[in-house]
């Protein structure tokens, strides 16, 4: 990696973290005159919780924008012809920004949609197969948290088979997302997790 590539990687990681720190669920809920998602349902500022209070339209927009903020900086890194490792670092910073956002006292969301966007930019086939896993689990059990947990756990295996250079990223994302779902895991074990 050249000094220029190293500098560009650092700048894109910083940009990714700042973009990731924008929790789009909050302005979208204000636009729809909905309650703050952090004070409703699971308390998570993400598409699933927005859906519970506002329905499909604001939830879909939240999902789209949270995904876009993961996709955009990784796309920039790809266009700059940075290495897969550098692109993966940028992706990780975008997701970390959503989970521990600078603008909201480091209290953020679970990172699933942002991981989806970053994954589509970096490893589209792997990410589409992970998304299919999510859809199948969601269709069968109607529990968003369960679908997310199963899908991200399958991520490292799928990436190892399809796009092995990205396996470390999907492994780290799985670890981070599982930790963020720790309360959901408790509710799942107790049979109290919300269904759709």
C-alpha atoms as a PDB file:
ATOM      1  CA  UNK A   1       0.000   0.000   0.000  1.00  0.00           C
ATOM      2  CA  UNK A   2       1.419   3.370  -1.029  1.00  0.00           C
ATOM      3  CA  UNK A   3       1.530   6.351   1.373  1.00  0.00           C
ATOM      4  CA  UNK A   4      -1.259   7.952  -0.660  1.00  0.00           C
ATOM      5  CA  UNK A   5      -3.406   4.816  -0.347  1.00  0.00           C
ATOM      6  CA  UNK A   6      -2.751   4.738   3.397  1.00  0.00           C
ATOM      7  CA  UNK A   7      -3.771   8.379   3.784  1.00  0.00           C
ATOM      8  CA  UNK A   8      -6.866   7.873   1.641  1.00  0.00           C
ATOM      9  CA  UNK A   9      -7.845   4.828   3.697  1.00  0.00           C
ATOM     10  CA  UNK A  10      -7.581   6.827   6.930  1.00  0.00           C
ATOM     11  CA  UNK A  11      -9.655   9.662   5.470  1.00  0.00           C
ATOM     12  CA  UNK A  12     -12.318   7.295   4.167  1.00  0.00           C
ATOM     13  CA  UNK A  13     -12.473   5.492   7.516  1.00  0.00           C
ATOM     14  CA  UNK A  14     -13.044   8.838   9.251  1.00  0.00           C
ATOM     15  CA  UNK A  15     -15.682   9.788   6.672  1.00  0.00           C
ATOM     16  CA  UNK A  16     -17.355   6.388   7.034  1.00  0.00           C
ATOM     17  CA  UNK A  17     -17.532   6.762  10.810  1.00  0.00           C
ATOM     18  CA  UNK A  18     -19.036  10.260  10.558  1.00  0.00           C
ATOM     19  CA  UNK A  19     -21.611   9.199   7.958  1.00  0.00           C
ATOM     20  CA  UNK A  20     -22.380   6.101   9.988  1.00  0.00           C
ATOM     21  CA  UNK A  21     -22.978   8.299  13.029  1.00  0.00           C
ATOM     22  CA  UNK A  22     -26.078   9.812  11.397  1.00  0.00           C
ATOM     23  CA  UNK A  23     -29.060   7.840  12.747  1.00  0.00           C
ATOM     24  CA  UNK A  24     -31.602   8.332   9.985  1.00  0.00           C
ATOM     25  CA  UNK A  25     -34.425   6.791  12.025  1.00  0.00           C
ATOM     26  CA  UNK A  26     -34.565   9.942  14.148  1.00  0.00           C
ATOM     27  CA  UNK A  27     -35.180  12.604  11.448  1.00  0.00           C
ATOM     28  CA  UNK A  28     -37.453  10.199   9.567  1.00  0.00           C
ATOM     29  CA  UNK A  29     -39.599   9.701  12.660  1.00  0.00           C
ATOM     30  CA  UNK A  30     -39.757  13.476  13.107  1.00  0.00           C
ATOM     31  CA  UNK A  31     -40.784  13.880   9.470  1.00  0.00           C
ATOM     32  CA  UNK A  32     -43.607  11.356   9.966  1.00  0.00           C
ATOM     33  CA  UNK A  33     -44.539  12.836  13.382  1.00  0.00           C
ATOM     34  CA  UNK A  34     -43.697   9.560  15.084  1.00  0.00           C
ATOM     35  CA  UNK A  35     -42.275   9.109  18.578  1.00  0.00           C
ATOM     36  CA  UNK A  36     -38.532   8.828  19.077  1.00  0.00           C
ATOM     37  CA  UNK A  37     -37.740   5.156  18.309  1.00  0.00           C
ATOM     38  CA  UNK A  38     -35.206   5.122  21.142  1.00  0.00           C
ATOM     39  CA  UNK A  39     -38.124   5.530  23.577  1.00  0.00           C
ATOM     40  CA  UNK A  40     -40.402   2.944  21.929  1.00  0.00           C
ATOM     41  CA  UNK A  41     -40.438  -0.817  21.466  1.00  0.00           C
ATOM     42  CA  UNK A  42     -36.929  -2.242  21.565  1.00  0.00           C
ATOM     43  CA  UNK A  43     -35.401   1.238  21.895  1.00  0.00           C
ATOM     44  CA  UNK A  44     -33.353   0.628  18.761  1.00  0.00           C
ATOM     45  CA  UNK A  45     -33.079   3.463  16.187  1.00  0.00           C
ATOM     46  CA  UNK A  46     -33.467   1.133  13.229  1.00  0.00           C
ATOM     47  CA  UNK A  47     -35.928   0.144  10.527  1.00  0.00           C
ATOM     48  CA  UNK A  48     -37.618  -2.663  12.482  1.00  0.00           C
ATOM     49  CA  UNK A  49     -38.470  -0.434  15.422  1.00  0.00           C
ATOM     50  CA  UNK A  50     -39.605   2.372  13.121  1.00  0.00           C
ATOM     51  CA  UNK A  51     -41.935  -0.124  11.442  1.00  0.00           C
ATOM     52  CA  UNK A  52     -43.558  -0.961  14.770  1.00  0.00           C
ATOM     53  CA  UNK A  53     -44.630   2.649  15.293  1.00  0.00           C
ATOM     54  CA  UNK A  54     -44.962   4.010  11.769  1.00  0.00           C
ATOM     55  CA  UNK A  55     -45.461   1.207   9.280  1.00  0.00           C
ATOM     56  CA  UNK A  56     -43.685   0.305   6.047  1.00  0.00           C
ATOM     57  CA  UNK A  57     -43.014   3.716   4.476  1.00  0.00           C
ATOM     58  CA  UNK A  58     -40.790   5.281   7.174  1.00  0.00           C
ATOM     59  CA  UNK A  59     -39.256   1.884   7.937  1.00  0.00           C
ATOM     60  CA  UNK A  60     -38.309   1.329   4.285  1.00  0.00           C
ATOM     61  CA  UNK A  61     -36.775   4.802   4.052  1.00  0.00           C
ATOM     62  CA  UNK A  62     -34.808   4.177   7.254  1.00  0.00           C
ATOM     63  CA  UNK A  63     -33.544   0.876   5.875  1.00  0.00           C
ATOM     64  CA  UNK A  64     -32.576   2.488   2.565  1.00  0.00           C
ATOM     65  CA  UNK A  65     -30.678   5.391   4.120  1.00  0.00           C
ATOM     66  CA  UNK A  66     -28.974   3.292   6.805  1.00  0.00           C
ATOM     67  CA  UNK A  67     -27.883   0.914   4.069  1.00  0.00           C
ATOM     68  CA  UNK A  68     -26.727   3.749   1.820  1.00  0.00           C
ATOM     69  CA  UNK A  69     -24.457   5.202   4.501  1.00  0.00           C
ATOM     70  CA  UNK A  70     -22.694   1.828   4.651  1.00  0.00           C
ATOM     71  CA  UNK A  71     -22.524   1.455   0.880  1.00  0.00           C
ATOM     72  CA  UNK A  72     -21.272   4.951  -0.050  1.00  0.00           C
ATOM     73  CA  UNK A  73     -17.851   5.094   1.674  1.00  0.00           C
ATOM     74  CA  UNK A  74     -17.041   1.513   0.640  1.00  0.00           C
ATOM     75  CA  UNK A  75     -17.983   2.382  -2.941  1.00  0.00           C
ATOM     76  CA  UNK A  76     -15.590   5.341  -2.769  1.00  0.00           C
ATOM     77  CA  UNK A  77     -12.846   3.009  -1.512  1.00  0.00           C
ATOM     78  CA  UNK A  78     -13.586   0.573  -4.338  1.00  0.00           C
ATOM     79  CA  UNK A  79     -13.531   3.350  -6.944  1.00  0.00           C
ATOM     80  CA  UNK A  80     -10.156   4.461  -5.563  1.00  0.00           C
ATOM     81  CA  UNK A  81      -8.919   0.916  -6.203  1.00  0.00           C
ATOM     82  CA  UNK A  82      -7.964   0.394  -2.573  1.00  0.00           C
ATOM     83  CA  UNK A  83      -7.236  -3.128  -1.385  1.00  0.00           C
ATOM     84  CA  UNK A  84      -9.944  -5.449  -0.075  1.00  0.00           C
ATOM     85  CA  UNK A  85      -8.476  -4.989   3.401  1.00  0.00           C
ATOM     86  CA  UNK A  86      -8.750  -1.206   3.131  1.00  0.00           C
ATOM     87  CA  UNK A  87     -12.336  -1.469   1.842  1.00  0.00           C
ATOM     88  CA  UNK A  88     -13.189  -3.806   4.714  1.00  0.00           C
ATOM     89  CA  UNK A  89     -11.753  -1.301   7.205  1.00  0.00           C
ATOM     90  CA  UNK A  90     -13.915   1.447   5.718  1.00  0.00           C
ATOM     91  CA  UNK A  91     -16.965  -0.829   5.976  1.00  0.00           C
ATOM     92  CA  UNK A  92     -16.201  -1.598   9.609  1.00  0.00           C
ATOM     93  CA  UNK A  93     -15.906   2.100  10.473  1.00  0.00           C
ATOM     94  CA  UNK A  94     -19.282   2.833   8.845  1.00  0.00           C
ATOM     95  CA  UNK A  95     -20.981   0.119  10.905  1.00  0.00           C
ATOM     96  CA  UNK A  96     -19.175   1.212  14.059  1.00  0.00           C
ATOM     97  CA  UNK A  97     -20.411   4.749  13.455  1.00  0.00           C
ATOM     98  CA  UNK A  98     -23.999   3.489  13.482  1.00  0.00           C
ATOM     99  CA  UNK A  99     -23.441   1.443  16.636  1.00  0.00           C
ATOM    100  CA  UNK A 100     -21.528   4.089  18.626  1.00  0.00           C
ATOM    101  CA  UNK A 101     -22.410   7.368  16.882  1.00  0.00           C
ATOM    102  CA  UNK A 102     -20.453  10.515  17.614  1.00  0.00           C
ATOM    103  CA  UNK A 103     -23.565  12.695  17.338  1.00  0.00           C
ATOM    104  CA  UNK A 104     -25.769  10.778  19.802  1.00  0.00           C
ATOM    105  CA  UNK A 105     -23.548  10.230  22.847  1.00  0.00           C
ATOM    106  CA  UNK A 106     -22.274   6.964  21.367  1.00  0.00           C
ATOM    107  CA  UNK A 107     -25.693   5.321  21.822  1.00  0.00           C
ATOM    108  CA  UNK A 108     -26.667   3.876  18.445  1.00  0.00           C
ATOM    109  CA  UNK A 109     -28.307   0.988  16.698  1.00  0.00           C
ATOM    110  CA  UNK A 110     -27.455  -2.603  15.908  1.00  0.00           C
ATOM    111  CA  UNK A 111     -25.807  -2.070  12.534  1.00  0.00           C
ATOM    112  CA  UNK A 112     -27.686  -4.615  10.435  1.00  0.00           C
ATOM    113  CA  UNK A 113     -28.839  -2.262   7.661  1.00  0.00           C
ATOM    114  CA  UNK A 114     -25.499  -0.438   7.547  1.00  0.00           C
ATOM    115  CA  UNK A 115     -23.709  -3.791   7.318  1.00  0.00           C
ATOM    116  CA  UNK A 116     -26.041  -4.725   4.467  1.00  0.00           C
ATOM    117  CA  UNK A 117     -25.113  -1.596   2.522  1.00  0.00           C
ATOM    118  CA  UNK A 118     -21.396  -1.949   3.169  1.00  0.00           C
ATOM    119  CA  UNK A 119     -21.541  -5.632   2.251  1.00  0.00           C
ATOM    120  CA  UNK A 120     -23.308  -4.937  -1.032  1.00  0.00           C
ATOM    121  CA  UNK A 121     -20.480  -2.592  -2.015  1.00  0.00           C
ATOM    122  CA  UNK A 122     -17.696  -4.939  -0.936  1.00  0.00           C
ATOM    123  CA  UNK A 123     -19.017  -8.479  -1.434  1.00  0.00           C
ATOM    124  CA  UNK A 124     -22.358  -8.389  -3.245  1.00  0.00           C
ATOM    125  CA  UNK A 125     -22.838 -12.131  -3.798  1.00  0.00           C
ATOM    126  CA  UNK A 126     -22.059 -12.993  -0.191  1.00  0.00           C
ATOM    127  CA  UNK A 127     -24.309 -10.204   1.042  1.00  0.00           C
ATOM    128  CA  UNK A 128     -27.206 -11.261  -1.179  1.00  0.00           C
ATOM    129  CA  UNK A 129     -26.951 -14.828   0.139  1.00  0.00           C
ATOM    130  CA  UNK A 130     -26.878 -13.521   3.715  1.00  0.00           C
ATOM    131  CA  UNK A 131     -29.951 -11.414   2.905  1.00  0.00           C
ATOM    132  CA  UNK A 132     -31.698 -14.485   1.500  1.00  0.00           C
ATOM    133  CA  UNK A 133     -30.940 -16.291   4.759  1.00  0.00           C
ATOM    134  CA  UNK A 134     -32.505 -13.398   6.663  1.00  0.00           C
ATOM    135  CA  UNK A 135     -35.622 -13.518   4.489  1.00  0.00           C
ATOM    136  CA  UNK A 136     -36.055 -17.274   4.899  1.00  0.00           C
ATOM    137  CA  UNK A 137     -35.728 -17.135   8.690  1.00  0.00           C
ATOM    138  CA  UNK A 138     -38.024 -14.111   8.859  1.00  0.00           C
ATOM    139  CA  UNK A 139     -40.611 -15.836   6.650  1.00  0.00           C
ATOM    140  CA  UNK A 140     -40.556 -18.938   8.847  1.00  0.00           C
ATOM    141  CA  UNK A 141     -40.493 -17.415  12.344  1.00  0.00           C
ATOM    142  CA  UNK A 142     -41.499 -13.741  11.904  1.00  0.00           C
ATOM    143  CA  UNK A 143     -38.875 -12.548  14.393  1.00  0.00           C
ATOM    144  CA  UNK A 144     -36.547  -9.863  13.037  1.00  0.00           C
ATOM    145  CA  UNK A 145     -33.872 -10.278  15.704  1.00  0.00           C
ATOM    146  CA  UNK A 146     -33.714 -14.047  15.144  1.00  0.00           C
ATOM    147  CA  UNK A 147     -33.421 -13.541  11.384  1.00  0.00           C
ATOM    148  CA  UNK A 148     -30.598 -11.021  11.877  1.00  0.00           C
ATOM    149  CA  UNK A 149     -28.701 -13.259  14.306  1.00  0.00           C
ATOM    150  CA  UNK A 150     -28.933 -16.352  12.101  1.00  0.00           C
ATOM    151  CA  UNK A 151     -28.028 -14.389   8.971  1.00  0.00           C
ATOM    152  CA  UNK A 152     -24.924 -12.740  10.431  1.00  0.00           C
ATOM    153  CA  UNK A 153     -23.753 -16.043  11.928  1.00  0.00           C
ATOM    154  CA  UNK A 154     -23.953 -17.551   8.440  1.00  0.00           C
ATOM    155  CA  UNK A 155     -22.002 -14.590   7.019  1.00  0.00           C
ATOM    156  CA  UNK A 156     -18.445 -15.811   7.710  1.00  0.00           C
ATOM    157  CA  UNK A 157     -19.213 -19.272   6.332  1.00  0.00           C
ATOM    158  CA  UNK A 158     -20.849 -17.921   3.181  1.00  0.00           C
ATOM    159  CA  UNK A 159     -18.026 -15.455   2.583  1.00  0.00           C
ATOM    160  CA  UNK A 160     -15.418 -18.196   3.110  1.00  0.00           C
ATOM    161  CA  UNK A 161     -17.046 -20.198   0.324  1.00  0.00           C
ATOM    162  CA  UNK A 162     -17.886 -17.350  -2.081  1.00  0.00           C
ATOM    163  CA  UNK A 163     -15.570 -14.372  -1.450  1.00  0.00           C
ATOM    164  CA  UNK A 164     -12.918 -15.592   1.019  1.00  0.00           C
ATOM    165  CA  UNK A 165     -10.951 -12.331   1.106  1.00  0.00           C
ATOM    166  CA  UNK A 166     -13.867 -10.747   2.941  1.00  0.00           C
ATOM    167  CA  UNK A 167     -14.314 -13.457   5.594  1.00  0.00           C
ATOM    168  CA  UNK A 168     -12.501 -11.510   8.384  1.00  0.00           C
ATOM    169  CA  UNK A 169     -14.867  -8.574   7.874  1.00  0.00           C
ATOM    170  CA  UNK A 170     -17.979 -10.745   8.038  1.00  0.00           C
ATOM    171  CA  UNK A 171     -16.578 -12.473  11.107  1.00  0.00           C
ATOM    172  CA  UNK A 172     -16.059  -9.141  12.882  1.00  0.00           C
ATOM    173  CA  UNK A 173     -19.470  -7.874  11.801  1.00  0.00           C
ATOM    174  CA  UNK A 174     -21.093 -11.047  13.134  1.00  0.00           C
ATOM    175  CA  UNK A 175     -19.369 -10.582  16.484  1.00  0.00           C
ATOM    176  CA  UNK A 176     -20.373  -6.916  16.758  1.00  0.00           C
ATOM    177  CA  UNK A 177     -23.972  -7.505  15.706  1.00  0.00           C
ATOM    178  CA  UNK A 178     -24.424 -10.467  18.064  1.00  0.00           C
ATOM    179  CA  UNK A 179     -23.124  -8.342  20.964  1.00  0.00           C
ATOM    180  CA  UNK A 180     -25.587  -5.595  20.009  1.00  0.00           C
ATOM    181  CA  UNK A 181     -28.386  -8.195  20.039  1.00  0.00           C
ATOM    182  CA  UNK A 182     -27.562  -9.495  23.525  1.00  0.00           C
ATOM    183  CA  UNK A 183     -30.901  -8.290  24.975  1.00  0.00           C
ATOM    184  CA  UNK A 184     -32.745  -9.872  22.067  1.00  0.00           C
ATOM    185  CA  UNK A 185     -30.972 -13.152  22.784  1.00  0.00           C
ATOM    186  CA  UNK A 186     -32.224 -13.021  26.369  1.00  0.00           C
ATOM    187  CA  UNK A 187     -35.787 -12.330  25.208  1.00  0.00           C
ATOM    188  CA  UNK A 188     -35.548 -15.112  22.621  1.00  0.00           C
ATOM    189  CA  UNK A 189     -34.446 -17.552  25.313  1.00  0.00           C
ATOM    190  CA  UNK A 190     -37.401 -16.451  27.451  1.00  0.00           C
ATOM    191  CA  UNK A 191     -39.855 -16.585  24.539  1.00  0.00           C
ATOM    192  CA  UNK A 192     -40.626 -12.865  24.835  1.00  0.00           C
ATOM    193  CA  UNK A 193     -39.154 -11.505  21.591  1.00  0.00           C
ATOM    194  CA  UNK A 194     -41.675  -9.606  19.457  1.00  0.00           C
ATOM    195  CA  UNK A 195     -43.038 -11.170  16.269  1.00  0.00           C
ATOM    196  CA  UNK A 196     -44.359  -9.540  13.109  1.00  0.00           C
END
